[in-house]
Amino acid sequence: MARSGRLHRTGHLVRRFCGSLRPGGPSSVDEVWVAGLLGDAELDLWLQMSDADRRHAVGVARRVAGLLDTSEGMAPDAPVMAAALLHDVGKVRSGLGTFGRVAATGLAAVTPGRVNGWPDRGGFRGRIGLYLRHPEEGAALLSAAGSAPLTVAWALEHHRPADRWSMDRRLADVLHAADDD
């Protein structure tokens, strides 16, 4: 089971890497759709995200909307959609591009736990540390922006095991399935 999980994660990372090399952000239709879902402060944060992260976020949000429309028979509420769109917003604090993110992910994989103190350092190490703690960074940004508790919680918890999620399990399961990450 662990091996298939590792293979799934590797495949996901390869797909995300290849997608991050594609230039441009979301379509203008998607940009308008997102602007109608987020509050002003949340939209400001979303616009700070990289083109690839915004494209990924739109894909997650569209999958969430489809899954909840299908299972619930109604559109998901704003905090759920904001959670889908902004779960990775903490990555903006690192300032790392695609290849810096690959380096950070690789370092975390081969030296688990050894980079925990890196966000407090300056330079490239500090940026790697900030990237690896993007859930905590994102939760802080969203809290400061006045986001709903559900949105803040999902940014913080989206990489945690399911038994450590604090929000409604049904919504968390949908958000997790839509993210595939």
Protein backbone atom coordinates (compact mmCIF):
# COMPACT_ATOMS: atom_id res chain seq x y z
CA MET A 1 0.00 0.00 0.00
CA ALA A 2 2.76 2.48 0.86
CA ARG A 3 4.44 1.73 -2.44
CA SER A 4 1.30 2.43 -4.46
CA GLY A 5 0.83 5.65 -2.46
CA ARG A 6 4.40 6.69 -3.22
CA LEU A 7 3.91 5.86 -6.92
CA HIS A 8 0.67 7.85 -6.97
CA ARG A 9 2.39 10.83 -5.34
CA THR A 10 5.31 10.64 -7.78
CA GLY A 11 2.92 10.55 -10.74
CA HIS A 12 1.04 13.50 -9.34
CA LEU A 13 4.25 15.47 -8.87
CA VAL A 14 5.38 14.72 -12.41
CA ARG A 15 2.00 15.89 -13.79
CA ARG A 16 2.14 19.07 -11.68
CA PHE A 17 5.72 19.77 -12.82
CA CYS A 18 4.84 19.35 -16.49
CA GLY A 19 1.75 21.52 -16.05
CA SER A 20 3.80 24.22 -14.33
CA LEU A 21 5.96 24.57 -17.43
CA ARG A 22 2.95 25.64 -19.51
CA PRO A 23 2.85 29.44 -19.81
CA GLY A 24 -0.15 31.57 -18.91
CA GLY A 25 -2.73 31.65 -16.19
CA PRO A 26 -6.36 30.61 -16.17
CA SER A 27 -8.65 31.63 -19.01
CA SER A 28 -10.47 34.94 -18.87
CA VAL A 29 -13.71 33.01 -18.31
CA ASP A 30 -12.14 31.30 -15.30
CA GLU A 31 -10.79 34.61 -13.99
CA VAL A 32 -14.29 36.13 -14.06
CA TRP A 33 -15.74 33.01 -12.40
CA VAL A 34 -13.16 33.18 -9.59
CA ALA A 35 -13.73 36.93 -9.07
CA GLY A 36 -17.40 36.15 -8.42
CA LEU A 37 -16.52 33.52 -5.79
CA LEU A 38 -13.94 35.31 -3.64
CA GLY A 39 -14.06 38.38 -1.45
CA ASP A 40 -11.80 41.30 -2.32
CA ALA A 41 -8.99 40.37 0.10
CA GLU A 42 -9.15 36.71 -0.99
CA LEU A 43 -9.05 37.72 -4.65
CA ASP A 44 -5.97 39.85 -3.96
CA LEU A 45 -4.27 36.77 -2.47
CA TRP A 46 -5.37 34.56 -5.37
CA LEU A 47 -3.91 37.02 -7.87
CA GLN A 48 -0.53 36.77 -6.10
CA MET A 49 -0.39 33.04 -6.82
CA SER A 50 1.65 31.83 -9.79
CA ASP A 51 -0.08 31.18 -13.11
CA ALA A 52 0.35 27.42 -12.63
CA ASP A 53 -1.03 27.54 -9.07
CA ARG A 54 -4.05 29.57 -10.21
CA ARG A 55 -4.73 27.10 -13.04
CA HIS A 56 -4.46 24.23 -10.54
CA ALA A 57 -6.76 26.04 -8.10
CA VAL A 58 -9.42 26.60 -10.78
CA GLY A 59 -9.29 22.91 -11.68
CA VAL A 60 -9.72 21.94 -8.02
CA ALA A 61 -12.61 24.40 -7.58
CA ARG A 62 -14.38 23.20 -10.72
CA ARG A 63 -14.05 19.57 -9.56
CA VAL A 64 -15.38 20.52 -6.10
CA ALA A 65 -18.33 22.31 -7.67
CA GLY A 66 -19.08 19.29 -9.84
CA LEU A 67 -18.76 16.80 -7.00
CA LEU A 68 -20.95 18.80 -4.63
CA ASP A 69 -23.50 19.70 -7.32
CA THR A 70 -23.81 16.01 -8.11
CA SER A 71 -23.99 14.74 -4.56
CA GLU A 72 -25.92 17.59 -2.96
CA GLY A 73 -28.05 18.90 -5.80
CA MET A 74 -26.95 22.49 -5.09
CA ALA A 75 -23.93 24.70 -5.56
CA PRO A 76 -21.30 24.72 -2.80
CA ASP A 77 -21.13 27.77 -0.55
CA ALA A 78 -18.48 30.49 -0.81
CA PRO A 79 -16.13 29.25 1.97
CA VAL A 80 -15.90 25.82 0.34
CA MET A 81 -15.09 27.33 -3.05
CA ALA A 82 -12.58 29.71 -1.45
CA ALA A 83 -10.98 26.69 0.26
CA ALA A 84 -10.63 24.99 -3.12
CA LEU A 85 -9.19 28.09 -4.76
CA LEU A 86 -6.85 29.16 -1.96
CA HIS A 87 -5.61 25.96 -0.30
CA ASP A 88 -2.10 26.50 -1.74
CA VAL A 89 -1.91 30.29 -1.28
CA GLY A 90 0.85 29.97 1.32
CA LYS A 91 3.28 29.07 -1.47
CA VAL A 92 3.41 32.76 -2.44
CA ARG A 93 5.43 33.52 0.70
CA SER A 94 8.37 31.42 -0.51
CA GLY A 95 8.90 33.23 -3.78
CA LEU A 96 10.16 29.98 -5.31
CA GLY A 97 9.68 29.22 -8.97
CA THR A 98 9.14 25.80 -10.48
CA PHE A 99 12.70 24.54 -10.15
CA GLY A 100 13.07 25.86 -6.60
CA ARG A 101 9.88 24.00 -5.69
CA VAL A 102 11.24 20.81 -7.23
CA ALA A 103 14.40 21.22 -5.14
CA ALA A 104 12.33 21.84 -1.99
CA THR A 105 10.14 18.79 -2.59
CA GLY A 106 13.19 16.62 -3.27
CA LEU A 107 15.00 17.84 -0.16
CA ALA A 108 11.94 17.20 1.98
CA ALA A 109 11.67 13.67 0.58
CA VAL A 110 15.30 12.72 1.26
CA THR A 111 15.75 14.62 4.55
CA PRO A 112 12.38 14.38 6.32
CA GLY A 113 12.24 16.61 9.37
CA ARG A 114 15.67 18.17 8.80
CA VAL A 115 14.23 21.25 7.09
CA ASN A 116 11.73 22.13 9.83
CA GLY A 117 13.76 25.10 11.10
CA TRP A 118 14.57 26.44 7.67
CA PRO A 119 11.75 29.03 7.45
CA ASP A 120 13.63 31.00 10.14
CA ARG A 121 16.77 31.19 8.01
CA GLY A 122 17.43 33.66 5.27
CA GLY A 123 18.26 33.01 1.66
CA PHE A 124 17.36 29.96 -0.36
CA ARG A 125 17.08 27.70 2.71
CA GLY A 126 14.55 30.05 4.26
CA ARG A 127 12.53 30.13 1.04
CA ILE A 128 12.55 26.32 0.90
CA GLY A 129 11.36 26.21 4.50
CA LEU A 130 8.54 28.65 3.76
CA TYR A 131 7.49 26.61 0.75
CA LEU A 132 7.41 23.39 2.76
CA ARG A 133 5.25 25.02 5.41
CA HIS A 134 2.84 26.52 2.89
CA PRO A 135 -0.21 25.18 4.76
CA GLU A 136 0.65 27.19 7.88
CA GLU A 137 1.66 30.23 5.82
CA GLY A 138 -1.57 30.06 3.82
CA ALA A 139 -3.73 29.76 6.91
CA ALA A 140 -2.07 32.88 8.33
CA LEU A 141 -2.63 34.82 5.10
CA LEU A 142 -6.27 33.75 4.88
CA SER A 143 -6.93 34.52 8.52
CA ALA A 144 -5.48 38.01 8.06
CA ALA A 145 -7.67 38.45 4.95
CA GLY A 146 -10.79 37.66 6.98
CA SER A 147 -11.57 34.35 5.28
CA ALA A 148 -14.15 32.01 6.75
CA PRO A 149 -12.89 29.50 9.37
CA LEU A 150 -13.55 26.61 6.95
CA THR A 151 -11.32 28.21 4.29
CA VAL A 152 -8.53 28.83 6.80
CA ALA A 153 -8.83 25.31 8.22
CA TRP A 154 -8.55 23.63 4.82
CA ALA A 155 -5.46 25.64 3.87
CA LEU A 156 -3.88 24.51 7.13
CA GLU A 157 -5.02 20.88 7.02
CA HIS A 158 -5.06 19.87 3.34
CA HIS A 159 -1.85 17.81 3.61
CA ARG A 160 -2.72 16.22 6.94
CA PRO A 161 -4.06 12.68 7.28
CA ALA A 162 -7.86 12.49 7.31
CA ASP A 163 -7.97 11.70 11.01
CA ARG A 164 -6.44 15.14 11.69
CA TRP A 165 -9.01 17.18 9.75
CA SER A 166 -11.13 19.45 11.93
CA MET A 167 -13.80 20.33 9.40
CA ASP A 168 -16.90 18.47 8.22
CA ARG A 169 -15.57 15.15 6.93
CA ARG A 170 -17.91 15.09 3.91
CA LEU A 171 -16.61 18.46 2.66
CA ALA A 172 -13.02 17.59 3.47
CA ASP A 173 -13.33 14.34 1.51
CA VAL A 174 -14.63 16.26 -1.53
CA LEU A 175 -11.88 18.91 -1.29
CA HIS A 176 -9.22 16.24 -0.91
CA ALA A 177 -10.52 14.17 -3.82
CA ALA A 178 -10.69 17.24 -6.05
CA ASP A 179 -7.11 18.28 -5.21
CA ASP A 180 -5.51 14.88 -5.91
CA ASP A 181 -2.44 16.00 -3.98
